[in-house]
N, C-alpha and C. Protein backbone atom coordinates (compact mmCIF):
# COMPACT_ATOMS: atom_id res chain seq x y z
N MET A 1 32.75 17.03 -9.77
CA MET A 1 32.46 17.96 -8.71
C MET A 1 31.17 18.72 -9.07
N ILE A 2 30.39 19.02 -8.07
CA ILE A 2 29.16 19.78 -8.27
C ILE A 2 29.35 21.17 -7.66
N THR A 3 29.10 22.18 -8.47
CA THR A 3 29.22 23.57 -8.04
C THR A 3 27.84 24.19 -8.02
N GLU A 4 27.54 24.98 -7.02
CA GLU A 4 26.28 25.71 -6.96
C GLU A 4 26.57 27.19 -7.18
N VAL A 5 25.77 27.80 -8.07
CA VAL A 5 25.93 29.23 -8.36
C VAL A 5 24.57 29.89 -8.45
N SER A 6 24.57 31.18 -8.27
CA SER A 6 23.33 31.95 -8.45
C SER A 6 23.09 32.12 -9.95
N ALA A 7 21.86 32.39 -10.30
CA ALA A 7 21.51 32.61 -11.71
C ALA A 7 22.29 33.80 -12.27
N VAL A 8 22.46 34.83 -11.47
CA VAL A 8 23.20 36.02 -11.92
C VAL A 8 24.65 35.65 -12.19
N ASN A 9 25.28 34.93 -11.27
CA ASN A 9 26.66 34.49 -11.44
C ASN A 9 26.78 33.60 -12.67
N PHE A 10 25.83 32.71 -12.84
CA PHE A 10 25.85 31.82 -14.00
C PHE A 10 25.79 32.62 -15.30
N ARG A 11 24.89 33.58 -15.35
CA ARG A 11 24.73 34.40 -16.55
C ARG A 11 26.02 35.18 -16.85
N GLN A 12 26.67 35.68 -15.82
CA GLN A 12 27.88 36.48 -16.00
C GLN A 12 29.09 35.63 -16.40
N ASN A 13 29.07 34.34 -16.06
CA ASN A 13 30.23 33.48 -16.28
C ASN A 13 29.90 32.25 -17.13
N LEU A 14 28.95 32.40 -18.03
CA LEU A 14 28.47 31.27 -18.81
C LEU A 14 29.59 30.55 -19.56
N GLY A 15 30.43 31.28 -20.25
CA GLY A 15 31.51 30.66 -21.03
C GLY A 15 32.43 29.82 -20.17
N GLU A 16 32.83 30.38 -19.04
CA GLU A 16 33.72 29.68 -18.12
C GLU A 16 33.05 28.41 -17.58
N MET A 17 31.78 28.51 -17.27
CA MET A 17 31.06 27.37 -16.70
C MET A 17 30.83 26.28 -17.74
N LEU A 18 30.60 26.68 -18.99
CA LEU A 18 30.49 25.68 -20.06
C LEU A 18 31.80 24.90 -20.19
N SER A 19 32.91 25.61 -20.12
CA SER A 19 34.22 24.94 -20.18
C SER A 19 34.41 24.01 -18.99
N GLN A 20 34.01 24.46 -17.84
CA GLN A 20 34.12 23.65 -16.61
C GLN A 20 33.36 22.33 -16.78
N VAL A 21 32.19 22.40 -17.35
CA VAL A 21 31.37 21.20 -17.55
C VAL A 21 31.96 20.34 -18.66
N GLN A 22 32.36 20.97 -19.76
CA GLN A 22 32.84 20.23 -20.92
C GLN A 22 34.19 19.55 -20.67
N TYR A 23 35.12 20.23 -20.08
CA TYR A 23 36.48 19.70 -19.97
C TYR A 23 36.78 19.03 -18.64
N ARG A 24 36.08 19.42 -17.57
CA ARG A 24 36.35 18.82 -16.27
C ARG A 24 35.24 17.88 -15.84
N ASN A 25 34.19 17.77 -16.66
CA ASN A 25 33.03 16.92 -16.35
C ASN A 25 32.37 17.30 -15.03
N ASP A 26 32.46 18.57 -14.66
CA ASP A 26 31.78 19.06 -13.47
C ASP A 26 30.30 19.25 -13.79
N SER A 27 29.50 19.40 -12.78
CA SER A 27 28.09 19.73 -12.92
C SER A 27 27.86 21.03 -12.15
N ILE A 28 26.92 21.82 -12.65
CA ILE A 28 26.64 23.10 -12.01
C ILE A 28 25.15 23.18 -11.70
N VAL A 29 24.83 23.46 -10.45
CA VAL A 29 23.45 23.67 -10.03
C VAL A 29 23.23 25.18 -9.98
N ILE A 30 22.19 25.61 -10.66
CA ILE A 30 21.90 27.05 -10.75
C ILE A 30 20.76 27.38 -9.79
N ASN A 31 21.03 28.27 -8.86
CA ASN A 31 20.05 28.67 -7.85
C ASN A 31 19.43 30.02 -8.19
N LYS A 32 18.16 30.14 -7.91
CA LYS A 32 17.47 31.42 -8.04
C LYS A 32 16.72 31.65 -6.74
N ASP A 33 16.95 32.78 -6.13
CA ASP A 33 16.37 33.08 -4.82
C ASP A 33 16.71 32.00 -3.80
N GLY A 34 17.94 31.48 -3.91
CA GLY A 34 18.42 30.50 -2.94
C GLY A 34 17.94 29.07 -3.15
N ARG A 35 17.18 28.84 -4.22
CA ARG A 35 16.66 27.49 -4.48
C ARG A 35 17.16 26.97 -5.83
N PRO A 36 17.50 25.67 -5.91
CA PRO A 36 17.95 25.12 -7.18
C PRO A 36 16.81 25.11 -8.20
N VAL A 37 17.11 25.63 -9.40
CA VAL A 37 16.09 25.68 -10.46
C VAL A 37 16.52 24.95 -11.72
N ALA A 38 17.82 24.72 -11.89
CA ALA A 38 18.32 24.05 -13.09
C ALA A 38 19.71 23.50 -12.81
N ALA A 39 20.15 22.62 -13.71
CA ALA A 39 21.49 22.08 -13.60
C ALA A 39 22.12 22.03 -14.98
N LEU A 40 23.41 22.25 -15.04
CA LEU A 40 24.17 22.15 -16.28
C LEU A 40 25.09 20.95 -16.13
N VAL A 41 24.89 19.96 -16.99
CA VAL A 41 25.71 18.75 -16.96
C VAL A 41 26.24 18.50 -18.37
N ASP A 42 27.31 17.69 -18.48
CA ASP A 42 27.84 17.43 -19.81
C ASP A 42 26.85 16.58 -20.61
N ALA A 43 26.96 16.69 -21.92
CA ALA A 43 26.00 16.05 -22.82
C ALA A 43 25.96 14.54 -22.66
N GLU A 44 27.09 13.92 -22.40
CA GLU A 44 27.13 12.46 -22.22
C GLU A 44 26.34 12.04 -20.99
N LEU A 45 26.51 12.75 -19.88
CA LEU A 45 25.75 12.44 -18.67
C LEU A 45 24.27 12.67 -18.91
N PHE A 46 23.92 13.73 -19.59
CA PHE A 46 22.52 14.00 -19.89
C PHE A 46 21.91 12.88 -20.72
N ALA A 47 22.64 12.38 -21.70
CA ALA A 47 22.15 11.27 -22.54
C ALA A 47 21.94 10.03 -21.69
N ARG A 48 22.85 9.75 -20.76
CA ARG A 48 22.70 8.59 -19.87
C ARG A 48 21.47 8.75 -18.98
N ILE A 49 21.26 9.95 -18.46
CA ILE A 49 20.09 10.21 -17.62
C ILE A 49 18.81 9.99 -18.41
N ARG A 50 18.78 10.47 -19.64
CA ARG A 50 17.59 10.28 -20.49
C ARG A 50 17.32 8.81 -20.74
N ARG A 51 18.38 8.03 -21.03
CA ARG A 51 18.20 6.59 -21.25
C ARG A 51 17.67 5.91 -20.00
N MET A 52 18.20 6.29 -18.85
CA MET A 52 17.73 5.70 -17.59
C MET A 52 16.26 6.04 -17.35
N CYS A 53 15.86 7.26 -17.64
CA CYS A 53 14.46 7.66 -17.48
C CYS A 53 13.56 6.86 -18.41
N GLU A 54 14.00 6.66 -19.65
CA GLU A 54 13.22 5.88 -20.60
C GLU A 54 13.07 4.43 -20.12
N ARG A 55 14.16 3.85 -19.62
CA ARG A 55 14.10 2.48 -19.10
C ARG A 55 13.19 2.39 -17.88
N PHE A 56 13.29 3.38 -17.00
CA PHE A 56 12.44 3.41 -15.81
C PHE A 56 10.97 3.50 -16.21
N ASP A 57 10.67 4.37 -17.16
CA ASP A 57 9.28 4.52 -17.62
C ASP A 57 8.76 3.22 -18.23
N ALA A 58 9.61 2.55 -19.01
CA ALA A 58 9.19 1.28 -19.62
C ALA A 58 8.94 0.23 -18.55
N LEU A 59 9.84 0.14 -17.58
CA LEU A 59 9.68 -0.83 -16.49
C LEU A 59 8.45 -0.51 -15.66
N SER A 60 8.23 0.76 -15.36
CA SER A 60 7.05 1.16 -14.59
C SER A 60 5.77 0.78 -15.33
N GLY A 61 5.78 0.96 -16.64
CA GLY A 61 4.61 0.59 -17.44
C GLY A 61 4.34 -0.90 -17.39
N ARG A 62 5.41 -1.70 -17.47
CA ARG A 62 5.24 -3.15 -17.39
C ARG A 62 4.70 -3.57 -16.03
N ILE A 63 5.19 -2.95 -14.97
CA ILE A 63 4.71 -3.28 -13.62
C ILE A 63 3.24 -2.85 -13.48
N ARG A 64 2.93 -1.67 -13.98
CA ARG A 64 1.55 -1.16 -13.91
C ARG A 64 0.59 -2.12 -14.63
N GLU A 65 0.99 -2.59 -15.82
CA GLU A 65 0.15 -3.53 -16.57
C GLU A 65 0.00 -4.85 -15.83
N ALA A 66 1.10 -5.35 -15.25
CA ALA A 66 1.08 -6.65 -14.58
C ALA A 66 0.18 -6.63 -13.34
N TYR A 67 0.09 -5.49 -12.68
CA TYR A 67 -0.68 -5.40 -11.44
C TYR A 67 -1.96 -4.58 -11.59
N ALA A 68 -2.41 -4.38 -12.82
CA ALA A 68 -3.60 -3.56 -13.06
C ALA A 68 -4.84 -4.12 -12.36
N ALA A 69 -4.92 -5.43 -12.21
CA ALA A 69 -6.12 -6.05 -11.61
C ALA A 69 -6.07 -6.06 -10.09
N VAL A 70 -4.95 -5.70 -9.50
CA VAL A 70 -4.81 -5.72 -8.04
C VAL A 70 -5.37 -4.43 -7.47
N PRO A 71 -6.34 -4.52 -6.55
CA PRO A 71 -6.88 -3.30 -5.92
C PRO A 71 -5.77 -2.53 -5.21
N VAL A 72 -5.85 -1.22 -5.27
CA VAL A 72 -4.81 -0.36 -4.69
C VAL A 72 -4.60 -0.66 -3.21
N ASP A 73 -5.67 -0.78 -2.45
CA ASP A 73 -5.54 -1.03 -1.01
C ASP A 73 -4.82 -2.34 -0.74
N SER A 74 -5.13 -3.37 -1.51
CA SER A 74 -4.46 -4.66 -1.33
C SER A 74 -2.98 -4.56 -1.67
N GLY A 75 -2.68 -3.86 -2.75
CA GLY A 75 -1.29 -3.70 -3.15
C GLY A 75 -0.48 -2.94 -2.12
N LEU A 76 -1.06 -1.85 -1.60
CA LEU A 76 -0.36 -1.07 -0.57
C LEU A 76 -0.17 -1.87 0.71
N ALA A 77 -1.17 -2.66 1.09
CA ALA A 77 -1.05 -3.50 2.28
C ALA A 77 0.07 -4.52 2.10
N GLU A 78 0.17 -5.09 0.91
CA GLU A 78 1.23 -6.07 0.63
C GLU A 78 2.61 -5.41 0.69
N ILE A 79 2.72 -4.22 0.15
CA ILE A 79 3.99 -3.49 0.20
C ILE A 79 4.36 -3.17 1.65
N ASP A 80 3.38 -2.68 2.42
CA ASP A 80 3.64 -2.36 3.83
C ASP A 80 4.11 -3.60 4.60
N ALA A 81 3.49 -4.76 4.33
CA ALA A 81 3.87 -6.00 5.00
C ALA A 81 5.30 -6.40 4.61
N ALA A 82 5.64 -6.25 3.34
CA ALA A 82 6.99 -6.60 2.89
C ALA A 82 8.03 -5.69 3.53
N VAL A 83 7.75 -4.41 3.59
CA VAL A 83 8.68 -3.45 4.20
C VAL A 83 8.84 -3.77 5.69
N ALA A 84 7.73 -4.03 6.37
CA ALA A 84 7.80 -4.37 7.80
C ALA A 84 8.63 -5.63 8.03
N GLY A 85 8.47 -6.61 7.14
CA GLY A 85 9.25 -7.85 7.25
C GLY A 85 10.74 -7.62 7.09
N VAL A 86 11.09 -6.78 6.14
CA VAL A 86 12.51 -6.48 5.91
C VAL A 86 13.08 -5.71 7.10
N ARG A 87 12.33 -4.76 7.62
CA ARG A 87 12.80 -3.98 8.76
C ARG A 87 12.96 -4.84 10.00
N LYS A 88 12.07 -5.79 10.16
CA LYS A 88 12.12 -6.68 11.33
C LYS A 88 13.35 -7.60 11.24
N ASN A 89 13.66 -8.07 10.05
CA ASN A 89 14.75 -9.02 9.88
C ASN A 89 16.06 -8.32 9.49
N GLY A 90 15.98 -7.04 9.20
CA GLY A 90 17.14 -6.32 8.67
C GLY A 90 18.03 -5.80 9.71
């Protein structure tokens, strides 16, 4: 479950919220001035997110290297054509 709290509420109830995350595997979004500024998630989920980011960065780097010689305009035109094709047939 994801709970949203104000920064003030979070500060006042930190211990309780840490337990909520640790034992119930909940996530807490911390809002300041009505906007989300941070999230508290359990350490296992955070580790998985970090691994996914590392894999994404590695894959993005490989794609960037593979298409380094393709002019940006040509690449974007090819992507637009592929998207249009999928939308037409989808």
